[in-house]
C-alpha atoms as a PDB file:
ATOM      1  CA  MET A   1     -41.454   3.587 -35.908  1.00  0.00           C
ATOM      2  CA  ASN A   2     -41.209   4.679 -32.516  1.00  0.00           C
ATOM      3  CA  SER A   3     -42.432   1.200 -31.293  1.00  0.00           C
ATOM      4  CA  ARG A   4     -39.726  -0.453 -32.960  1.00  0.00           C
ATOM      5  CA  ASN A   5     -37.100   1.869 -31.345  1.00  0.00           C
ATOM      6  CA  GLN A   6     -38.645   1.640 -28.006  1.00  0.00           C
ATOM      7  CA  PRO A   7     -37.026  -1.812 -26.794  1.00  0.00           C
ATOM      8  CA  ILE A   8     -33.450  -0.198 -28.149  1.00  0.00           C
ATOM      9  CA  GLU A   9     -34.026   2.587 -26.036  1.00  0.00           C
ATOM     10  CA  THR A  10     -35.095   0.737 -23.025  1.00  0.00           C
ATOM     11  CA  LEU A  11     -32.016  -1.533 -23.327  1.00  0.00           C
ATOM     12  CA  GLN A  12     -29.746   1.561 -23.464  1.00  0.00           C
ATOM     13  CA  ASP A  13     -31.315   2.999 -20.403  1.00  0.00           C
ATOM     14  CA  ILE A  14     -30.837  -0.280 -18.518  1.00  0.00           C
ATOM     15  CA  LYS A  15     -27.248  -0.295 -19.534  1.00  0.00           C
ATOM     16  CA  ASN A  16     -26.804   3.312 -18.546  1.00  0.00           C
ATOM     17  CA  ILE A  17     -28.270   2.448 -15.122  1.00  0.00           C
ATOM     18  CA  MET A  18     -25.913  -0.481 -14.695  1.00  0.00           C
ATOM     19  CA  ASN A  19     -22.928   1.650 -15.725  1.00  0.00           C
ATOM     20  CA  ARG A  20     -23.882   4.231 -12.981  1.00  0.00           C
ATOM     21  CA  SER A  21     -24.105   1.701 -10.312  1.00  0.00           C
ATOM     22  CA  SER A  22     -21.094  -0.416 -11.107  1.00  0.00           C
ATOM     23  CA  ARG A  23     -18.581   2.550 -12.481  1.00  0.00           C
ATOM     24  CA  PHE A  24     -17.805   5.874 -10.967  1.00  0.00           C
ATOM     25  CA  ILE A  25     -18.473   8.118 -14.008  1.00  0.00           C
ATOM     26  CA  SER A  26     -18.278  11.471 -12.608  1.00  0.00           C
ATOM     27  CA  LEU A  27     -14.450  11.788 -12.990  1.00  0.00           C
ATOM     28  CA  SER A  28     -14.215  15.303 -14.608  1.00  0.00           C
ATOM     29  CA  GLY A  29     -11.768  15.926 -17.591  1.00  0.00           C
ATOM     30  CA  LEU A  30     -11.075  19.303 -15.766  1.00  0.00           C
ATOM     31  CA  SER A  31      -9.579  17.130 -13.017  1.00  0.00           C
ATOM     32  CA  GLY A  32      -7.080  15.694 -15.329  1.00  0.00           C
ATOM     33  CA  VAL A  33      -6.250  19.165 -16.609  1.00  0.00           C
ATOM     34  CA  ALA A  34      -5.784  20.607 -13.124  1.00  0.00           C
ATOM     35  CA  ALA A  35      -3.604  17.808 -12.121  1.00  0.00           C
ATOM     36  CA  GLY A  36      -1.554  18.049 -15.087  1.00  0.00           C
ATOM     37  CA  VAL A  37      -0.870  21.959 -14.504  1.00  0.00           C
ATOM     38  CA  CYS A  38       0.246  21.343 -10.881  1.00  0.00           C
ATOM     39  CA  ALA A  39       2.634  18.482 -11.969  1.00  0.00           C
ATOM     40  CA  LEU A  40       4.139  20.792 -14.432  1.00  0.00           C
ATOM     41  CA  VAL A  41       4.560  23.620 -11.760  1.00  0.00           C
ATOM     42  CA  GLY A  42       5.892  21.154  -9.302  1.00  0.00           C
ATOM     43  CA  ALA A  43       8.268  19.855 -11.897  1.00  0.00           C
ATOM     44  CA  TRP A  44       9.480  23.348 -12.735  1.00  0.00           C
ATOM     45  CA  PHE A  45      10.223  24.048  -9.038  1.00  0.00           C
ATOM     46  CA  ALA A  46      12.090  20.799  -8.801  1.00  0.00           C
ATOM     47  CA  HIS A  47      14.003  21.239 -11.810  1.00  0.00           C
ATOM     48  CA  GLY A  48      15.381  24.622 -10.258  1.00  0.00           C
ATOM     49  CA  VAL A  49      16.434  22.725  -6.810  1.00  0.00           C
ATOM     50  CA  ILE A  50      18.094  20.052  -9.013  1.00  0.00           C
ATOM     51  CA  ASN A  51      20.286  22.265 -11.018  1.00  0.00           C
ATOM     52  CA  SER A  52      20.958  24.579  -8.164  1.00  0.00           C
ATOM     53  CA  GLY A  53      22.687  21.402  -6.576  1.00  0.00           C
ATOM     54  CA  SER A  54      24.167  19.770  -9.344  1.00  0.00           C
ATOM     55  CA  THR A  55      27.551  20.268 -10.844  1.00  0.00           C
ATOM     56  CA  ALA A  56      26.864  18.190 -14.177  1.00  0.00           C
ATOM     57  CA  ARG A  57      26.059  19.791 -17.157  1.00  0.00           C
ATOM     58  CA  TYR A  58      24.635  16.848 -18.995  1.00  0.00           C
ATOM     59  CA  PRO A  59      22.595  13.983 -17.085  1.00  0.00           C
ATOM     60  CA  SER A  60      24.211  10.586 -17.263  1.00  0.00           C
ATOM     61  CA  LYS A  61      22.591   7.692 -18.602  1.00  0.00           C
ATOM     62  CA  HIS A  62      24.140   5.169 -16.258  1.00  0.00           C
ATOM     63  CA  LEU A  63      22.291   4.161 -13.333  1.00  0.00           C
ATOM     64  CA  SER A  64      25.444   3.422 -11.232  1.00  0.00           C
ATOM     65  CA  ASP A  65      25.883   7.569 -11.414  1.00  0.00           C
ATOM     66  CA  TYR A  66      22.537   7.748  -9.583  1.00  0.00           C
ATOM     67  CA  VAL A  67      23.054   5.245  -6.663  1.00  0.00           C
ATOM     68  CA  LEU A  68      24.528   6.883  -3.519  1.00  0.00           C
ATOM     69  CA  SER A  69      27.090   5.517  -1.358  1.00  0.00           C
ATOM     70  CA  ASP A  70      26.384   4.331   2.181  1.00  0.00           C
ATOM     71  CA  SER A  71      27.766   7.699   3.498  1.00  0.00           C
ATOM     72  CA  ALA A  72      25.515   9.702   1.376  1.00  0.00           C
ATOM     73  CA  ILE A  73      22.277   7.975   1.931  1.00  0.00           C
ATOM     74  CA  PRO A  74      19.897  10.185   4.016  1.00  0.00           C
ATOM     75  CA  THR A  75      18.171   9.342   6.915  1.00  0.00           C
ATOM     76  CA  MET A  76      14.367   9.090   6.442  1.00  0.00           C
ATOM     77  CA  ARG A  77      13.905  12.291   8.710  1.00  0.00           C
ATOM     78  CA  ALA A  78      16.377  13.814   6.389  1.00  0.00           C
ATOM     79  CA  PHE A  79      14.842  12.801   3.282  1.00  0.00           C
ATOM     80  CA  MET A  80      11.463  14.274   4.341  1.00  0.00           C
ATOM     81  CA  GLY A  81      12.744  17.390   5.063  1.00  0.00           C
ATOM     82  CA  ASP A  82      14.361  17.648   1.523  1.00  0.00           C
ATOM     83  CA  ARG A  83      13.198  20.334  -0.491  1.00  0.00           C
ATOM     84  CA  LEU A  84      12.353  17.872  -3.293  1.00  0.00           C
ATOM     85  CA  PHE A  85      10.223  15.668  -1.057  1.00  0.00           C
ATOM     86  CA  GLN A  86       8.415  18.935   0.195  1.00  0.00           C
ATOM     87  CA  ILE A  87       7.866  19.929  -3.490  1.00  0.00           C
ATOM     88  CA  ALA A  88       6.244  16.453  -4.321  1.00  0.00           C
ATOM     89  CA  VAL A  89       4.050  16.491  -1.398  1.00  0.00           C
ATOM     90  CA  LEU A  90       2.687  19.974  -2.055  1.00  0.00           C
ATOM     91  CA  THR A  91       2.154  19.225  -5.690  1.00  0.00           C
ATOM     92  CA  PHE A  92       0.210  15.926  -4.816  1.00  0.00           C
ATOM     93  CA  ILE A  93      -1.971  17.937  -2.235  1.00  0.00           C
ATOM     94  CA  ALA A  94      -2.576  20.490  -4.866  1.00  0.00           C
ATOM     95  CA  ALA A  95      -3.442  18.070  -7.683  1.00  0.00           C
ATOM     96  CA  PHE A  96      -5.559  15.846  -5.424  1.00  0.00           C
ATOM     97  CA  GLY A  97      -7.379  19.046  -4.161  1.00  0.00           C
ATOM     98  CA  PHE A  98      -8.135  20.417  -7.435  1.00  0.00           C
ATOM     99  CA  SER A  99      -9.057  17.120  -8.924  1.00  0.00           C
ATOM    100  CA  PHE A 100     -11.471  16.359  -5.903  1.00  0.00           C
ATOM    101  CA  LEU A 101     -13.008  19.717  -6.525  1.00  0.00           C
ATOM    102  CA  PHE A 102     -13.873  19.529 -10.301  1.00  0.00           C
ATOM    103  CA  THR A 103     -14.983  15.986  -9.496  1.00  0.00           C
ATOM    104  CA  TYR A 104     -17.464  16.955  -6.935  1.00  0.00           C
ATOM    105  CA  LEU A 105     -18.913  19.763  -8.859  1.00  0.00           C
ATOM    106  CA  ARG A 106     -19.533  17.447 -11.739  1.00  0.00           C
ATOM    107  CA  SER A 107     -21.099  14.872  -9.398  1.00  0.00           C
ATOM    108  CA  ARG A 108     -23.483  17.434  -7.893  1.00  0.00           C
ATOM    109  CA  LYS A 109     -24.426  18.624 -11.549  1.00  0.00           C
ATOM    110  CA  GLU A 110     -25.229  15.215 -12.482  1.00  0.00           C
ATOM    111  CA  ASN A 111     -26.977  14.227  -9.052  1.00  0.00           C
ATOM    112  CA  ILE A 112     -24.590  11.431  -8.348  1.00  0.00           C
ATOM    113  CA  PRO A 113     -23.051  10.567  -5.104  1.00  0.00           C
ATOM    114  CA  VAL A 114     -19.234  11.385  -4.755  1.00  0.00           C
ATOM    115  CA  TRP A 115     -18.579   8.606  -2.106  1.00  0.00           C
ATOM    116  CA  GLY A 116     -20.834   5.803  -3.352  1.00  0.00           C
ATOM    117  CA  THR A 117     -20.058   2.150  -3.890  1.00  0.00           C
ATOM    118  CA  ALA A 118     -18.310   2.749  -7.186  1.00  0.00           C
ATOM    119  CA  ALA A 119     -16.186   5.358  -5.922  1.00  0.00           C
ATOM    120  CA  ARG A 120     -15.032   3.323  -3.000  1.00  0.00           C
ATOM    121  CA  ARG A 121     -14.284   0.416  -5.340  1.00  0.00           C
ATOM    122  CA  LEU A 122     -12.442   2.763  -7.545  1.00  0.00           C
ATOM    123  CA  MET A 123     -10.381   4.354  -4.492  1.00  0.00           C
ATOM    124  CA  TRP A 124      -9.287   1.068  -3.229  1.00  0.00           C
ATOM    125  CA  ASN A 125      -8.181  -0.519  -6.562  1.00  0.00           C
ATOM    126  CA  VAL A 126      -6.281   2.539  -7.304  1.00  0.00           C
ATOM    127  CA  LEU A 127      -4.692   3.090  -3.848  1.00  0.00           C
ATOM    128  CA  LEU A 128      -3.559  -0.761  -3.615  1.00  0.00           C
ATOM    129  CA  PRO A 129      -0.802  -0.511  -6.334  1.00  0.00           C
ATOM    130  CA  MET A 130       0.308   2.928  -5.290  1.00  0.00           C
ATOM    131  CA  MET A 131       0.563   1.907  -1.643  1.00  0.00           C
ATOM    132  CA  VAL A 132       2.643  -1.251  -2.636  1.00  0.00           C
ATOM    133  CA  GLY A 133       4.783   1.164  -5.060  1.00  0.00           C
ATOM    134  CA  GLY A 134       5.270   3.630  -2.137  1.00  0.00           C
ATOM    135  CA  ILE A 135       6.774   0.960   0.047  1.00  0.00           C
ATOM    136  CA  PHE A 136       8.932  -0.186  -2.795  1.00  0.00           C
ATOM    137  CA  LEU A 137       9.993   3.246  -3.609  1.00  0.00           C
ATOM    138  CA  LEU A 138      10.973   3.796   0.199  1.00  0.00           C
ATOM    139  CA  LYS A 139      13.271   0.595   0.184  1.00  0.00           C
ATOM    140  CA  LEU A 140      15.040   2.210  -2.950  1.00  0.00           C
ATOM    141  CA  ILE A 141      15.511   5.256  -1.244  1.00  0.00           C
ATOM    142  CA  GLU A 142      16.938   3.463   1.841  1.00  0.00           C
ATOM    143  CA  ALA A 143      19.343   1.776  -0.578  1.00  0.00           C
ATOM    144  CA  GLY A 144      20.352   4.954  -2.328  1.00  0.00           C
ATOM    145  CA  VAL A 145      19.003   3.901  -5.775  1.00  0.00           C
ATOM    146  CA  ILE A 146      17.608   7.490  -6.354  1.00  0.00           C
ATOM    147  CA  GLY A 147      17.820   6.971 -10.264  1.00  0.00           C
ATOM    148  CA  LEU A 148      14.958   4.668 -10.056  1.00  0.00           C
ATOM    149  CA  ILE A 149      12.436   6.790  -8.108  1.00  0.00           C
ATOM    150  CA  ALA A 150      10.952   8.656 -11.074  1.00  0.00           C
ATOM    151  CA  PRO A 151      10.382   5.587 -13.262  1.00  0.00           C
ATOM    152  CA  GLY A 152       8.958   3.757 -10.233  1.00  0.00           C
ATOM    153  CA  CYS A 153       6.597   6.539  -9.581  1.00  0.00           C
ATOM    154  CA  LEU A 154       5.328   6.532 -13.236  1.00  0.00           C
ATOM    155  CA  ILE A 155       5.097   2.772 -13.474  1.00  0.00           C
ATOM    156  CA  PHE A 156       3.144   2.126 -10.418  1.00  0.00           C
ATOM    157  CA  TYR A 157       0.871   5.108 -10.836  1.00  0.00           C
ATOM    158  CA  GLY A 158       0.193   3.775 -14.298  1.00  0.00           C
ATOM    159  CA  LEU A 159      -0.576   0.330 -12.935  1.00  0.00           C
ATOM    160  CA  ALA A 160      -2.846   2.013 -10.474  1.00  0.00           C
ATOM    161  CA  LEU A 161      -4.938   3.449 -13.327  1.00  0.00           C
ATOM    162  CA  ILE A 162      -5.153   0.380 -15.281  1.00  0.00           C
ATOM    163  CA  ASN A 163      -6.406  -1.456 -12.076  1.00  0.00           C
ATOM    164  CA  GLY A 164      -8.801   1.037 -11.476  1.00  0.00           C
ATOM    165  CA  SER A 165     -10.263   1.643 -14.903  1.00  0.00           C
ATOM    166  CA  LYS A 166     -12.847  -1.147 -14.652  1.00  0.00           C
ATOM    167  CA  PHE A 167     -14.585   1.097 -12.039  1.00  0.00           C
ATOM    168  CA  THR A 168     -14.713   4.337 -13.871  1.00  0.00           C
ATOM    169  CA  LEU A 169     -14.159   5.677 -17.456  1.00  0.00           C
ATOM    170  CA  GLY A 170     -12.597   3.019 -19.386  1.00  0.00           C
ATOM    171  CA  GLU A 171     -10.450   5.473 -21.432  1.00  0.00           C
ATOM    172  CA  ILE A 172      -8.209   6.197 -18.218  1.00  0.00           C
ATOM    173  CA  ARG A 173      -6.531   2.850 -18.838  1.00  0.00           C
ATOM    174  CA  TYR A 174      -4.783   4.424 -21.861  1.00  0.00           C
ATOM    175  CA  LEU A 175      -3.298   7.261 -19.548  1.00  0.00           C
ATOM    176  CA  GLY A 176      -2.189   4.302 -17.219  1.00  0.00           C
ATOM    177  CA  TYR A 177      -0.523   2.577 -20.402  1.00  0.00           C
ATOM    178  CA  ALA A 178       1.162   5.706 -21.362  1.00  0.00           C
ATOM    179  CA  ASN A 179       2.685   6.180 -17.838  1.00  0.00           C
ATOM    180  CA  VAL A 180       3.847   2.573 -17.685  1.00  0.00           C
ATOM    181  CA  LEU A 181       5.659   2.839 -20.858  1.00  0.00           C
ATOM    182  CA  LEU A 182       7.250   6.182 -19.983  1.00  0.00           C
ATOM    183  CA  GLY A 183       8.465   4.669 -16.616  1.00  0.00           C
ATOM    184  CA  LEU A 184       9.912   1.747 -18.417  1.00  0.00           C
ATOM    185  CA  ILE A 185      11.837   3.910 -20.969  1.00  0.00           C
ATOM    186  CA  ASN A 186      12.927   6.175 -18.070  1.00  0.00           C
ATOM    187  CA  CYS A 187      14.616   3.317 -16.608  1.00  0.00           C
ATOM    188  CA  TRP A 188      17.419   3.600 -19.253  1.00  0.00           C
ATOM    189  CA  TYR A 189      17.614   7.257 -18.936  1.00  0.00           C
ATOM    190  CA  PRO A 190      17.989   7.765 -15.161  1.00  0.00           C
ATOM    191  CA  GLY A 191      19.232  11.217 -15.458  1.00  0.00           C
ATOM    192  CA  LEU A 192      16.228  12.340 -17.099  1.00  0.00           C
ATOM    193  CA  GLY A 193      13.666  11.485 -14.687  1.00  0.00           C
ATOM    194  CA  ILE A 194      12.503  14.993 -13.990  1.00  0.00           C
ATOM    195  CA  TYR A 195      11.520  15.340 -17.550  1.00  0.00           C
ATOM    196  CA  PHE A 196       9.544  12.019 -17.942  1.00  0.00           C
ATOM    197  CA  TRP A 197       7.924  12.875 -14.733  1.00  0.00           C
ATOM    198  CA  ALA A 198       6.840  16.124 -16.186  1.00  0.00           C
ATOM    199  CA  MET A 199       5.604  14.458 -19.378  1.00  0.00           C
ATOM    200  CA  GLY A 200       3.715  11.443 -17.539  1.00  0.00           C
ATOM    201  CA  PHE A 201       2.081  13.563 -14.422  1.00  0.00           C
ATOM    202  CA  GLY A 202       1.816  16.777 -16.344  1.00  0.00           C
ATOM    203  CA  VAL A 203       1.548  16.699 -20.198  1.00  0.00           C
ATOM    204  CA  LEU A 204      -0.352  13.483 -20.439  1.00  0.00           C
ATOM    205  CA  HIS A 205      -2.772  14.465 -17.800  1.00  0.00           C
ATOM    206  CA  ILE A 206      -3.802  17.695 -19.506  1.00  0.00           C
ATOM    207  CA  VAL A 207      -4.091  15.892 -22.893  1.00  0.00           C
ATOM    208  CA  TYR A 208      -6.208  13.336 -21.291  1.00  0.00           C
ATOM    209  CA  GLY A 209      -8.433  15.725 -19.598  1.00  0.00           C
ATOM    210  CA  VAL A 210      -9.063  17.851 -22.499  1.00  0.00           C
ATOM    211  CA  VAL A 211     -10.052  14.610 -24.564  1.00  0.00           C
ATOM    212  CA  MET A 212     -12.426  13.677 -21.598  1.00  0.00           C
ATOM    213  CA  TRP A 213     -13.819  17.054 -21.308  1.00  0.00           C
ATOM    214  CA  ASN A 214     -14.559  17.350 -25.106  1.00  0.00           C
ATOM    215  CA  LYS A 215     -16.229  13.733 -25.045  1.00  0.00           C
ATOM    216  CA  TYR A 216     -18.336  13.705 -21.938  1.00  0.00           C
ATOM    217  CA  GLU A 217     -18.577  17.209 -20.703  1.00  0.00           C
ATOM    218  CA  ARG A 218     -18.555  19.774 -23.561  1.00  0.00           C
ATOM    219  CA  ALA A 219     -22.335  19.473 -24.447  1.00  0.00           C
END
C-alpha cells in the first residue's frame, strides 16, 4: 500500500518545492488583520477631520460637488501638509510595518528567505500598478477632482493585488477583485469615499487575514 502511494507523495513534494521556488508563500494572515486594523484607525481619524471641516450634513452623490474650483485647488506643498494626507501616510507606514513584521516572523518560522526571487517578483508586480495609480491620482489632485481619489485608491490597489497574486497565495486575488468592485461602486457615490475606503482597506483585509490564518497558519 505504501509503495502505491509513494509516487503520489513524491509528486506532491515536487509540486510543493516548485511552489516555494516560484511563489512567495510566507504572507501571514496576521499581516492582513494588522493592515486592516491600521486602516480602520486611520479612517476613524480622517472621518473626524472631514466632519470638522464640512458644513454639509449629508454627503452628495454628484461628482461635480467634489470638484474644486481653480482658486481652491491646493499646491502640492499645501496638499502634503494637509492633515488627511498626513493621516494617510502614517496609516500606510503603520500597516506596512506590521505586515512586514508578521510576514518576517512567518518566514523565519518556515525557514524561507523573506527577500528571495519570488518576493522580488511579487513586490515588482504589486508596485507597478500602484505607482501608475499614484501618478494618476496626483493628476486628479492637480485637477481638483477630489471625489475620485478614494475610488482610484481602491481600484489601483485591487489591480495590484490581482497582478501580484500569481507570485503568492492565489486567494489574494479575491481581495483584489473585491477592492476593484468597491472602487467602481464608489465612483457613483463620491461623497462616501471614506466609508468605502474603510471597507476595502479595513474590513476586507481583516476578513481576508482571518481566513488565511485559519487556512494556512492555525495548525
